[in-house]
Amino acid sequence: MFAKSRRLKTTLCLLIINVFAFSFPVFAQNTSGSITGVVQDTSGAVIPGAQVSLINQEQGVTLRQTITNEAGIYLFSALPAATYTVTVELPGFKTYKKTDVKLFVNDKLGMPPDTRTSG
């Protein structure tokens, strides 16, 4: 009789612990940020298809590359905090290079439009 009562109490205690332990939401700490921008020419027209490279200056490596979409927009998300160089290239246009872009945890940096000139 005592074993059955003890087992019931143990089961009830475990159930109560589980209810409290898993009823509170778990919030993950965000440890990244993002960089986004729009590539435009000197007249303000958007430039789709431009190659955008993101270089981590501290490590000296190209972290990511992307192509601007039909609206001339690029996005680099889930980036570690660091100092970056953003480079935009497209044949027929001058290369755009922005250095010392400092990204901190939880930052959502919006780069100003990259004004391009032909030639």
N, C-alpha and C. Protein backbone atom coordinates (compact mmCIF):
# COMPACT_ATOMS: atom_id res chain seq x y z
N MET A 1 0.82 -1.19 0.00
CA MET A 1 0.00 0.00 0.00
C MET A 1 0.86 1.25 0.00
N PHE A 2 1.94 1.22 0.85
CA PHE A 2 2.81 2.40 0.92
C PHE A 2 3.56 2.61 -0.39
N ALA A 3 3.96 1.54 -1.07
CA ALA A 3 4.69 1.66 -2.33
C ALA A 3 3.81 2.31 -3.39
N LYS A 4 2.54 1.94 -3.42
CA LYS A 4 1.61 2.51 -4.38
C LYS A 4 1.39 3.98 -4.09
N SER A 5 1.26 4.35 -2.83
CA SER A 5 1.08 5.75 -2.43
C SER A 5 2.33 6.58 -2.74
N ARG A 6 3.49 5.99 -2.50
CA ARG A 6 4.76 6.69 -2.76
C ARG A 6 4.94 6.92 -4.27
N ARG A 7 4.60 5.92 -5.06
CA ARG A 7 4.70 6.03 -6.52
C ARG A 7 3.75 7.11 -7.03
N LEU A 8 2.56 7.18 -6.49
CA LEU A 8 1.58 8.19 -6.88
C LEU A 8 2.10 9.59 -6.54
N LYS A 9 2.68 9.76 -5.35
CA LYS A 9 3.22 11.06 -4.95
C LYS A 9 4.39 11.46 -5.85
N THR A 10 5.25 10.51 -6.19
CA THR A 10 6.39 10.79 -7.07
C THR A 10 5.91 11.20 -8.45
N THR A 11 4.94 10.47 -8.97
CA THR A 11 4.39 10.79 -10.28
C THR A 11 3.73 12.17 -10.27
N LEU A 12 2.99 12.47 -9.22
CA LEU A 12 2.32 13.76 -9.10
C LEU A 12 3.36 14.89 -9.02
N CYS A 13 4.42 14.70 -8.26
CA CYS A 13 5.48 15.71 -8.14
C CYS A 13 6.16 15.95 -9.50
N LEU A 14 6.46 14.87 -10.20
CA LEU A 14 7.09 15.02 -11.52
C LEU A 14 6.17 15.74 -12.49
N LEU A 15 4.89 15.45 -12.42
CA LEU A 15 3.92 16.12 -13.28
C LEU A 15 3.87 17.61 -12.98
N ILE A 16 3.85 17.97 -11.73
CA ILE A 16 3.81 19.39 -11.34
C ILE A 16 5.10 20.10 -11.78
N ILE A 17 6.24 19.46 -11.61
CA ILE A 17 7.51 20.05 -12.03
C ILE A 17 7.52 20.27 -13.54
N ASN A 18 7.05 19.29 -14.29
CA ASN A 18 7.01 19.43 -15.75
C ASN A 18 6.07 20.55 -16.20
N VAL A 19 4.94 20.68 -15.53
CA VAL A 19 3.99 21.73 -15.90
C VAL A 19 4.63 23.10 -15.70
N PHE A 20 5.30 23.30 -14.58
CA PHE A 20 5.93 24.59 -14.32
C PHE A 20 7.17 24.80 -15.20
N ALA A 21 7.94 23.77 -15.40
CA ALA A 21 9.18 23.91 -16.16
C ALA A 21 8.92 24.22 -17.63
N PHE A 22 7.88 23.67 -18.21
CA PHE A 22 7.63 23.84 -19.64
C PHE A 22 6.50 24.82 -19.95
N SER A 23 5.92 25.44 -18.94
CA SER A 23 4.84 26.38 -19.22
C SER A 23 5.35 27.79 -19.46
N PHE A 24 6.60 28.07 -19.12
CA PHE A 24 7.16 29.39 -19.35
C PHE A 24 7.86 29.41 -20.70
N PRO A 25 7.62 30.44 -21.50
CA PRO A 25 8.29 30.50 -22.81
C PRO A 25 9.78 30.68 -22.64
N VAL A 26 10.50 30.09 -23.55
CA VAL A 26 11.95 30.19 -23.53
C VAL A 26 12.34 31.22 -24.58
N PHE A 27 13.03 32.24 -24.15
CA PHE A 27 13.46 33.29 -25.06
C PHE A 27 14.93 33.10 -25.38
N ALA A 28 15.22 32.92 -26.66
CA ALA A 28 16.60 32.77 -27.10
C ALA A 28 17.20 34.16 -27.27
N GLN A 29 18.44 34.29 -26.87
CA GLN A 29 19.12 35.57 -27.01
C GLN A 29 19.60 35.71 -28.45
N ASN A 30 19.24 36.82 -29.06
CA ASN A 30 19.64 37.08 -30.43
C ASN A 30 21.08 37.57 -30.43
N THR A 31 21.93 36.94 -31.21
CA THR A 31 23.34 37.32 -31.24
C THR A 31 23.78 37.76 -32.63
N SER A 32 22.82 38.20 -33.44
CA SER A 32 23.17 38.56 -34.81
C SER A 32 22.45 39.84 -35.21
N GLY A 33 22.80 40.33 -36.39
CA GLY A 33 22.17 41.52 -36.95
C GLY A 33 22.00 41.35 -38.45
N SER A 34 21.60 42.43 -39.13
CA SER A 34 21.41 42.35 -40.57
C SER A 34 21.82 43.67 -41.23
N ILE A 35 22.17 43.56 -42.50
CA ILE A 35 22.51 44.72 -43.32
C ILE A 35 21.70 44.63 -44.60
N THR A 36 21.03 45.71 -44.95
CA THR A 36 20.23 45.75 -46.17
C THR A 36 20.46 47.08 -46.88
N GLY A 37 20.15 47.13 -48.15
CA GLY A 37 20.32 48.37 -48.90
C GLY A 37 19.67 48.29 -50.27
N VAL A 38 19.69 49.42 -50.96
CA VAL A 38 19.13 49.53 -52.31
C VAL A 38 20.22 50.07 -53.22
N VAL A 39 20.41 49.45 -54.38
CA VAL A 39 21.40 49.91 -55.35
C VAL A 39 20.65 50.70 -56.42
N GLN A 40 21.10 51.97 -56.64
CA GLN A 40 20.47 52.86 -57.61
C GLN A 40 21.54 53.52 -58.47
N ASP A 41 21.13 53.98 -59.65
CA ASP A 41 22.06 54.78 -60.46
C ASP A 41 21.90 56.24 -60.09
N THR A 42 22.64 57.13 -60.78
CA THR A 42 22.63 58.55 -60.42
C THR A 42 21.27 59.20 -60.62
N SER A 43 20.42 58.62 -61.48
CA SER A 43 19.08 59.18 -61.68
C SER A 43 18.08 58.66 -60.65
N GLY A 44 18.51 57.70 -59.81
CA GLY A 44 17.61 57.14 -58.80
C GLY A 44 16.93 55.86 -59.23
N ALA A 45 17.21 55.40 -60.46
CA ALA A 45 16.62 54.14 -60.93
C ALA A 45 17.30 52.98 -60.22
N VAL A 46 16.51 52.00 -59.81
CA VAL A 46 17.07 50.84 -59.11
C VAL A 46 17.83 49.96 -60.09
N ILE A 47 18.82 49.26 -59.56
CA ILE A 47 19.65 48.40 -60.39
C ILE A 47 19.53 46.95 -59.92
N PRO A 48 18.73 46.14 -60.62
CA PRO A 48 18.65 44.72 -60.28
C PRO A 48 19.87 43.99 -60.85
N GLY A 49 20.20 42.87 -60.25
CA GLY A 49 21.26 42.01 -60.78
C GLY A 49 22.68 42.42 -60.41
N ALA A 50 22.84 43.39 -59.53
CA ALA A 50 24.18 43.78 -59.10
C ALA A 50 24.69 42.79 -58.05
N GLN A 51 25.97 42.48 -58.11
CA GLN A 51 26.57 41.56 -57.13
C GLN A 51 27.03 42.37 -55.92
N VAL A 52 26.56 41.96 -54.75
CA VAL A 52 26.92 42.64 -53.50
C VAL A 52 27.71 41.65 -52.65
N SER A 53 28.90 42.08 -52.22
CA SER A 53 29.76 41.24 -51.40
C SER A 53 29.90 41.86 -50.01
N LEU A 54 29.97 41.00 -49.02
CA LEU A 54 30.12 41.43 -47.63
C LEU A 54 31.41 40.83 -47.10
N ILE A 55 32.35 41.70 -46.74
CA ILE A 55 33.67 41.25 -46.27
C ILE A 55 33.79 41.58 -44.78
N ASN A 56 34.16 40.58 -44.01
CA ASN A 56 34.44 40.78 -42.59
C ASN A 56 35.85 41.35 -42.50
N GLN A 57 35.97 42.61 -42.10
CA GLN A 57 37.26 43.29 -42.09
C GLN A 57 38.25 42.70 -41.08
N GLU A 58 37.75 42.24 -39.93
CA GLU A 58 38.64 41.69 -38.91
C GLU A 58 39.28 40.38 -39.38
N GLN A 59 38.52 39.59 -40.13
CA GLN A 59 39.02 38.30 -40.60
C GLN A 59 39.59 38.38 -42.01
N GLY A 60 39.26 39.45 -42.74
CA GLY A 60 39.76 39.61 -44.09
C GLY A 60 39.20 38.62 -45.09
N VAL A 61 37.99 38.15 -44.85
CA VAL A 61 37.37 37.17 -45.74
C VAL A 61 36.00 37.65 -46.21
N THR A 62 35.63 37.24 -47.42
CA THR A 62 34.29 37.51 -47.91
C THR A 62 33.34 36.58 -47.19
N LEU A 63 32.45 37.15 -46.41
CA LEU A 63 31.53 36.36 -45.61
C LEU A 63 30.37 35.85 -46.46
N ARG A 64 29.80 36.74 -47.28
CA ARG A 64 28.66 36.36 -48.12
C ARG A 64 28.63 37.21 -49.38
N GLN A 65 27.89 36.69 -50.37
CA GLN A 65 27.62 37.41 -51.61
C GLN A 65 26.16 37.20 -51.96
N THR A 66 25.58 38.22 -52.59
CA THR A 66 24.19 38.11 -53.04
C THR A 66 24.01 38.96 -54.29
N ILE A 67 22.87 38.84 -54.91
CA ILE A 67 22.51 39.61 -56.10
C ILE A 67 21.28 40.44 -55.75
N THR A 68 21.28 41.71 -56.16
CA THR A 68 20.11 42.55 -55.88
C THR A 68 18.89 42.02 -56.64
N ASN A 69 17.74 42.16 -56.01
CA ASN A 69 16.50 41.67 -56.63
C ASN A 69 15.97 42.69 -57.64
N GLU A 70 14.77 42.46 -58.17
CA GLU A 70 14.20 43.34 -59.20
C GLU A 70 13.97 44.76 -58.70
N ALA A 71 13.93 44.96 -57.39
CA ALA A 71 13.77 46.30 -56.81
C ALA A 71 15.12 46.90 -56.41
N GLY A 72 16.22 46.21 -56.77
CA GLY A 72 17.56 46.71 -56.43
C GLY A 72 17.95 46.50 -54.98
N ILE A 73 17.21 45.66 -54.28
CA ILE A 73 17.42 45.47 -52.84
C ILE A 73 18.30 44.26 -52.58
N TYR A 74 19.18 44.39 -51.59
CA TYR A 74 19.96 43.25 -51.10
C TYR A 74 19.78 43.15 -49.59
N LEU A 75 19.96 41.95 -49.06
CA LEU A 75 19.81 41.71 -47.63
C LEU A 75 20.80 40.64 -47.19
N PHE A 76 21.53 40.96 -46.14
CA PHE A 76 22.37 39.99 -45.45
C PHE A 76 21.82 39.87 -44.03
N SER A 77 21.31 38.70 -43.67
CA SER A 77 20.72 38.52 -42.35
C SER A 77 21.53 37.51 -41.55
N ALA A 78 21.23 37.45 -40.25
CA ALA A 78 21.88 36.53 -39.31
C ALA A 78 23.40 36.69 -39.37
N LEU A 79 23.86 37.94 -39.29
CA LEU A 79 25.29 38.23 -39.34
C LEU A 79 25.84 38.38 -37.93
N PRO A 80 27.05 37.88 -37.70
CA PRO A 80 27.68 38.13 -36.41
C PRO A 80 28.11 39.59 -36.30
N ALA A 81 28.15 40.11 -35.10
CA ALA A 81 28.62 41.47 -34.88
C ALA A 81 30.07 41.57 -35.35
N ALA A 82 30.36 42.58 -36.16
CA ALA A 82 31.71 42.77 -36.70
C ALA A 82 31.74 44.07 -37.48
N THR A 83 32.90 44.38 -38.04
CA THR A 83 33.06 45.52 -38.94
C THR A 83 33.19 44.97 -40.35
N TYR A 84 32.37 45.49 -41.26
CA TYR A 84 32.27 44.94 -42.61
C TYR A 84 32.61 45.98 -43.67
N THR A 85 32.94 45.46 -44.86
CA THR A 85 33.02 46.25 -46.08
C THR A 85 31.96 45.71 -47.02
N VAL A 86 31.14 46.63 -47.58
CA VAL A 86 30.12 46.26 -48.54
C VAL A 86 30.59 46.73 -49.91
N THR A 87 30.64 45.80 -50.87
CA THR A 87 31.08 46.12 -52.23
C THR A 87 29.97 45.75 -53.21
N VAL A 88 29.67 46.69 -54.13
CA VAL A 88 28.64 46.45 -55.14
C VAL A 88 29.30 46.56 -56.51
N GLU A 89 29.08 45.54 -57.35
CA GLU A 89 29.68 45.50 -58.68
C GLU A 89 28.64 45.10 -59.72
N LEU A 90 28.76 45.73 -60.90
CA LEU A 90 27.94 45.37 -62.05
C LEU A 90 28.66 45.90 -63.29
N PRO A 91 28.85 45.05 -64.31
CA PRO A 91 29.51 45.52 -65.52
C PRO A 91 28.83 46.78 -66.08
N GLY A 92 29.64 47.76 -66.49
CA GLY A 92 29.13 49.01 -67.02
C GLY A 92 28.97 50.09 -65.96
N PHE A 93 29.19 49.74 -64.70
CA PHE A 93 29.07 50.69 -63.60
C PHE A 93 30.35 50.69 -62.78
N LYS A 94 30.62 51.82 -62.14
CA LYS A 94 31.76 51.89 -61.23
C LYS A 94 31.47 51.01 -60.02
N THR A 95 32.53 50.42 -59.47
CA THR A 95 32.38 49.62 -58.25
C THR A 95 32.17 50.55 -57.07
N TYR A 96 31.19 50.20 -56.24
CA TYR A 96 30.90 50.95 -55.02
C TYR A 96 31.47 50.17 -53.86
N LYS A 97 32.16 50.87 -52.94
CA LYS A 97 32.76 50.21 -51.79
C LYS A 97 32.55 51.07 -50.56
N LYS A 98 31.91 50.51 -49.54
CA LYS A 98 31.69 51.19 -48.26
C LYS A 98 32.41 50.39 -47.18
N THR A 99 33.42 51.02 -46.55
CA THR A 99 34.20 50.35 -45.51
C THR A 99 33.74 50.79 -44.12
N ASP A 100 34.22 50.06 -43.14
CA ASP A 100 33.98 50.37 -41.72
C ASP A 100 32.50 50.42 -41.35
N VAL A 101 31.73 49.48 -41.89
CA VAL A 101 30.32 49.35 -41.53
C VAL A 101 30.27 48.51 -40.25
N LYS A 102 29.99 49.17 -39.14
CA LYS A 102 30.01 48.49 -37.83
C LYS A 102 28.62 47.94 -37.52
N LEU A 103 28.56 46.63 -37.36
CA LEU A 103 27.31 45.95 -37.04
C LEU A 103 27.41 45.38 -35.63
N PHE A 104 26.46 45.74 -34.79
CA PHE A 104 26.40 45.25 -33.43
C PHE A 104 25.25 44.26 -33.29
N VAL A 105 25.23 43.52 -32.20
CA VAL A 105 24.17 42.55 -31.95
C VAL A 105 22.82 43.26 -32.01
N ASN A 106 21.86 42.65 -32.67
CA ASN A 106 20.48 43.14 -32.84
C ASN A 106 20.36 44.33 -33.78
N ASP A 107 21.45 44.79 -34.39
CA ASP A 107 21.36 45.89 -35.36
C ASP A 107 20.65 45.43 -36.62
N LYS A 108 19.89 46.33 -37.19
CA LYS A 108 19.27 46.14 -38.50
C LYS A 108 19.67 47.37 -39.31
N LEU A 109 20.86 47.31 -39.90
CA LEU A 109 21.39 48.45 -40.62
C LEU A 109 20.77 48.57 -42.00
N GLY A 110 20.30 49.75 -42.29
CA GLY A 110 19.82 50.08 -43.63
C GLY A 110 20.85 50.99 -44.27
N MET A 111 21.54 50.48 -45.27
CA MET A 111 22.54 51.27 -45.95
C MET A 111 21.85 52.30 -46.84
N PRO A 112 22.43 53.52 -46.95
CA PRO A 112 21.83 54.49 -47.86
C PRO A 112 21.93 53.97 -49.29
N PRO A 113 21.09 54.48 -50.18
CA PRO A 113 21.15 54.00 -51.57
C PRO A 113 22.56 54.17 -52.14
N ASP A 114 23.01 53.16 -52.86
CA ASP A 114 24.33 53.20 -53.48
C ASP A 114 24.16 53.90 -54.83
N THR A 115 24.65 55.11 -54.93
CA THR A 115 24.55 55.86 -56.17
C THR A 115 25.65 55.41 -57.11
N ARG A 116 25.28 54.97 -58.29
CA ARG A 116 26.21 54.42 -59.25
C ARG A 116 26.33 55.35 -60.46
N THR A 117 27.46 55.35 -61.09
CA THR A 117 27.60 56.07 -62.34
C THR A 117 28.09 55.10 -63.38
N SER A 118 27.67 55.29 -64.62
CA SER A 118 28.11 54.37 -65.67
C SER A 118 29.55 54.69 -66.05
N GLY A 119 30.18 53.70 -66.65
CA GLY A 119 31.53 53.90 -67.15
C GLY A 119 32.56 53.12 -66.51
